[in-house]
Amino acid sequence: MKWLEIVTVAGATLVAAVTVVVLYSLGVRLTAIAGDVRESNPAWVRPLAYACFGLCGAAVLFGLYLIIPCFSK
């Protein structure tokens, strides 16, 4: 058995999962900050939140592209 390849796949999976969770959490947090009516927030907060959601979605779609065999041929 090739243990280095198993460790490489496990490491890539962990990094990808953490990246998706962090991007989604950051998007939710920035959306909450942008929606706060009691404070004056910079104009870049809401577009940055949407960019985080977009990157999260792109990462999920790329993962599906790698998993589904008919797409990666």
N, C-alpha and C. Protein backbone atom coordinates (compact mmCIF):
# COMPACT_ATOMS: atom_id res chain seq x y z
N MET A 1 0.84 -1.17 0.00
CA MET A 1 0.00 0.00 0.00
C MET A 1 0.89 1.24 0.00
N LYS A 2 0.46 2.25 -0.71
CA LYS A 2 1.25 3.48 -0.82
C LYS A 2 0.73 4.50 0.20
N TRP A 3 1.38 4.54 1.35
CA TRP A 3 0.92 5.37 2.46
C TRP A 3 1.07 6.85 2.19
N LEU A 4 2.09 7.23 1.44
CA LEU A 4 2.29 8.65 1.16
C LEU A 4 1.14 9.21 0.33
N GLU A 5 0.63 8.42 -0.58
CA GLU A 5 -0.50 8.87 -1.39
C GLU A 5 -1.77 9.01 -0.56
N ILE A 6 -1.97 8.10 0.38
CA ILE A 6 -3.14 8.20 1.26
C ILE A 6 -3.04 9.44 2.14
N VAL A 7 -1.86 9.71 2.65
CA VAL A 7 -1.66 10.91 3.49
C VAL A 7 -1.84 12.17 2.65
N THR A 8 -1.39 12.15 1.40
CA THR A 8 -1.55 13.31 0.52
C THR A 8 -3.03 13.59 0.25
N VAL A 9 -3.80 12.56 -0.04
CA VAL A 9 -5.23 12.73 -0.29
C VAL A 9 -5.94 13.21 0.97
N ALA A 10 -5.58 12.63 2.11
CA ALA A 10 -6.20 13.05 3.37
C ALA A 10 -5.88 14.52 3.68
N GLY A 11 -4.65 14.93 3.43
CA GLY A 11 -4.26 16.31 3.67
C GLY A 11 -4.97 17.27 2.74
N ALA A 12 -5.08 16.90 1.46
CA ALA A 12 -5.79 17.76 0.50
C ALA A 12 -7.27 17.86 0.86
N THR A 13 -7.86 16.77 1.31
CA THR A 13 -9.25 16.79 1.73
C THR A 13 -9.46 17.69 2.93
N LEU A 14 -8.57 17.60 3.88
CA LEU A 14 -8.68 18.44 5.08
C LEU A 14 -8.54 19.92 4.73
N VAL A 15 -7.57 20.24 3.90
CA VAL A 15 -7.36 21.64 3.50
C VAL A 15 -8.57 22.16 2.73
N ALA A 16 -9.11 21.36 1.82
CA ALA A 16 -10.27 21.79 1.04
C ALA A 16 -11.50 21.99 1.93
N ALA A 17 -11.72 21.08 2.87
CA ALA A 17 -12.87 21.20 3.76
C ALA A 17 -12.75 22.44 4.65
N VAL A 18 -11.58 22.68 5.19
CA VAL A 18 -11.38 23.85 6.04
C VAL A 18 -11.55 25.13 5.23
N THR A 19 -11.07 25.14 3.99
CA THR A 19 -11.20 26.32 3.14
C THR A 19 -12.66 26.63 2.86
N VAL A 20 -13.46 25.63 2.54
CA VAL A 20 -14.88 25.85 2.26
C VAL A 20 -15.60 26.36 3.50
N VAL A 21 -15.32 25.77 4.65
CA VAL A 21 -15.97 26.19 5.89
C VAL A 21 -15.58 27.62 6.27
N VAL A 22 -14.32 27.95 6.13
CA VAL A 22 -13.86 29.30 6.47
C VAL A 22 -14.46 30.34 5.53
N LEU A 23 -14.51 30.04 4.24
CA LEU A 23 -15.09 30.99 3.29
C LEU A 23 -16.57 31.22 3.57
N TYR A 24 -17.30 30.14 3.85
CA TYR A 24 -18.72 30.28 4.13
C TYR A 24 -18.94 31.05 5.44
N SER A 25 -18.17 30.73 6.46
CA SER A 25 -18.31 31.42 7.75
C SER A 25 -17.98 32.90 7.62
N LEU A 26 -16.93 33.21 6.87
CA LEU A 26 -16.57 34.61 6.66
C LEU A 26 -17.65 35.34 5.89
N GLY A 27 -18.24 34.67 4.91
CA GLY A 27 -19.33 35.29 4.16
C GLY A 27 -20.53 35.58 5.04
N VAL A 28 -20.88 34.64 5.91
CA VAL A 28 -22.00 34.85 6.83
C VAL A 28 -21.70 35.99 7.78
N ARG A 29 -20.49 36.01 8.32
CA ARG A 29 -20.12 37.08 9.27
C ARG A 29 -20.14 38.45 8.59
N LEU A 30 -19.60 38.54 7.39
CA LEU A 30 -19.59 39.83 6.69
C LEU A 30 -21.00 40.26 6.29
N THR A 31 -21.87 39.32 5.98
CA THR A 31 -23.26 39.66 5.68
C THR A 31 -23.95 40.21 6.93
N ALA A 32 -23.66 39.61 8.07
CA ALA A 32 -24.24 40.11 9.32
C ALA A 32 -23.73 41.51 9.65
N ILE A 33 -22.45 41.74 9.41
CA ILE A 33 -21.88 43.08 9.66
C ILE A 33 -22.50 44.10 8.72
N ALA A 34 -22.67 43.73 7.45
CA ALA A 34 -23.25 44.67 6.47
C ALA A 34 -24.71 44.96 6.76
N GLY A 35 -25.41 44.02 7.38
CA GLY A 35 -26.83 44.23 7.67
C GLY A 35 -27.11 44.94 8.97
N ASP A 36 -26.08 45.27 9.74
CA ASP A 36 -26.27 45.94 11.02
C ASP A 36 -26.64 47.40 10.77
N VAL A 37 -27.84 47.79 11.18
CA VAL A 37 -28.32 49.15 10.91
C VAL A 37 -27.84 50.15 11.96
N ARG A 38 -27.32 49.66 13.08
CA ARG A 38 -26.88 50.57 14.14
C ARG A 38 -25.52 51.18 13.85
N GLU A 39 -24.76 50.57 12.98
CA GLU A 39 -23.42 51.07 12.69
C GLU A 39 -23.29 51.44 11.22
N SER A 40 -22.39 52.37 10.95
CA SER A 40 -22.07 52.73 9.58
C SER A 40 -20.91 51.84 9.12
N ASN A 41 -21.16 51.01 8.13
CA ASN A 41 -20.16 50.06 7.66
C ASN A 41 -19.61 50.50 6.30
N PRO A 42 -18.37 50.13 6.02
CA PRO A 42 -17.80 50.47 4.70
C PRO A 42 -18.60 49.81 3.57
N ALA A 43 -18.52 50.39 2.40
CA ALA A 43 -19.28 49.89 1.26
C ALA A 43 -18.74 48.58 0.72
N TRP A 44 -17.53 48.22 1.07
CA TRP A 44 -16.91 47.01 0.52
C TRP A 44 -17.26 45.75 1.29
N VAL A 45 -17.99 45.86 2.40
CA VAL A 45 -18.26 44.68 3.23
C VAL A 45 -19.22 43.71 2.53
N ARG A 46 -20.32 44.21 1.99
CA ARG A 46 -21.29 43.32 1.35
C ARG A 46 -20.73 42.67 0.08
N PRO A 47 -20.05 43.39 -0.82
CA PRO A 47 -19.45 42.71 -1.98
C PRO A 47 -18.39 41.67 -1.59
N LEU A 48 -17.66 41.92 -0.51
CA LEU A 48 -16.68 40.94 -0.05
C LEU A 48 -17.38 39.69 0.48
N ALA A 49 -18.52 39.86 1.14
CA ALA A 49 -19.30 38.71 1.60
C ALA A 49 -19.78 37.88 0.41
N TYR A 50 -20.27 38.55 -0.61
CA TYR A 50 -20.73 37.82 -1.80
C TYR A 50 -19.56 37.14 -2.52
N ALA A 51 -18.40 37.75 -2.49
CA ALA A 51 -17.22 37.13 -3.09
C ALA A 51 -16.83 35.86 -2.32
N CYS A 52 -16.95 35.90 -1.00
CA CYS A 52 -16.67 34.70 -0.20
C CYS A 52 -17.64 33.58 -0.54
N PHE A 53 -18.93 33.92 -0.67
CA PHE A 53 -19.92 32.91 -1.05
C PHE A 53 -19.63 32.36 -2.45
N GLY A 54 -19.22 33.23 -3.36
CA GLY A 54 -18.91 32.79 -4.72
C GLY A 54 -17.71 31.86 -4.75
N LEU A 55 -16.67 32.19 -3.99
CA LEU A 55 -15.49 31.31 -3.93
C LEU A 55 -15.82 29.98 -3.28
N CYS A 56 -16.68 30.00 -2.28
CA CYS A 56 -17.12 28.77 -1.63
C CYS A 56 -17.87 27.90 -2.62
N GLY A 57 -18.77 28.49 -3.37
CA GLY A 57 -19.52 27.75 -4.39
C GLY A 57 -18.61 27.22 -5.49
N ALA A 58 -17.62 28.01 -5.89
CA ALA A 58 -16.68 27.56 -6.91
C ALA A 58 -15.86 26.37 -6.42
N ALA A 59 -15.48 26.39 -5.16
CA ALA A 59 -14.72 25.27 -4.60
C ALA A 59 -15.57 24.00 -4.56
N VAL A 60 -16.84 24.14 -4.22
CA VAL A 60 -17.74 22.98 -4.19
C VAL A 60 -17.94 22.45 -5.61
N LEU A 61 -18.16 23.33 -6.57
CA LEU A 61 -18.34 22.88 -7.95
C LEU A 61 -17.08 22.22 -8.51
N PHE A 62 -15.91 22.73 -8.15
CA PHE A 62 -14.67 22.11 -8.59
C PHE A 62 -14.51 20.72 -7.97
N GLY A 63 -14.90 20.57 -6.72
CA GLY A 63 -14.86 19.25 -6.09
C GLY A 63 -15.80 18.27 -6.78
N LEU A 64 -16.99 18.74 -7.14
CA LEU A 64 -17.91 17.87 -7.89
C LEU A 64 -17.35 17.52 -9.26
N TYR A 65 -16.69 18.47 -9.89
CA TYR A 65 -16.06 18.21 -11.18
C TYR A 65 -14.99 17.12 -11.06
N LEU A 66 -14.26 17.13 -9.98
CA LEU A 66 -13.23 16.11 -9.79
C LEU A 66 -13.82 14.75 -9.41
N ILE A 67 -14.95 14.72 -8.72
CA ILE A 67 -15.53 13.48 -8.26
C ILE A 67 -16.33 12.77 -9.35
N ILE A 68 -17.12 13.50 -10.12
CA ILE A 68 -18.02 12.88 -11.10
C ILE A 68 -17.21 12.53 -12.36
N PRO A 69 -17.16 11.26 -12.71
CA PRO A 69 -16.28 10.82 -13.80
C PRO A 69 -16.62 11.38 -15.17
N CYS A 70 -17.89 11.59 -15.48
CA CYS A 70 -18.22 12.05 -16.83
C CYS A 70 -17.78 13.49 -17.08
N PHE A 71 -17.54 14.26 -16.05
CA PHE A 71 -17.08 15.64 -16.22
C PHE A 71 -15.58 15.76 -16.40
N SER A 72 -14.83 14.86 -15.80
CA SER A 72 -13.37 15.01 -15.81
C SER A 72 -12.68 14.28 -16.96
N LYS A 73 -13.45 13.73 -17.90
CA LYS A 73 -12.83 13.05 -19.05
C LYS A 73 -12.57 14.01 -20.17
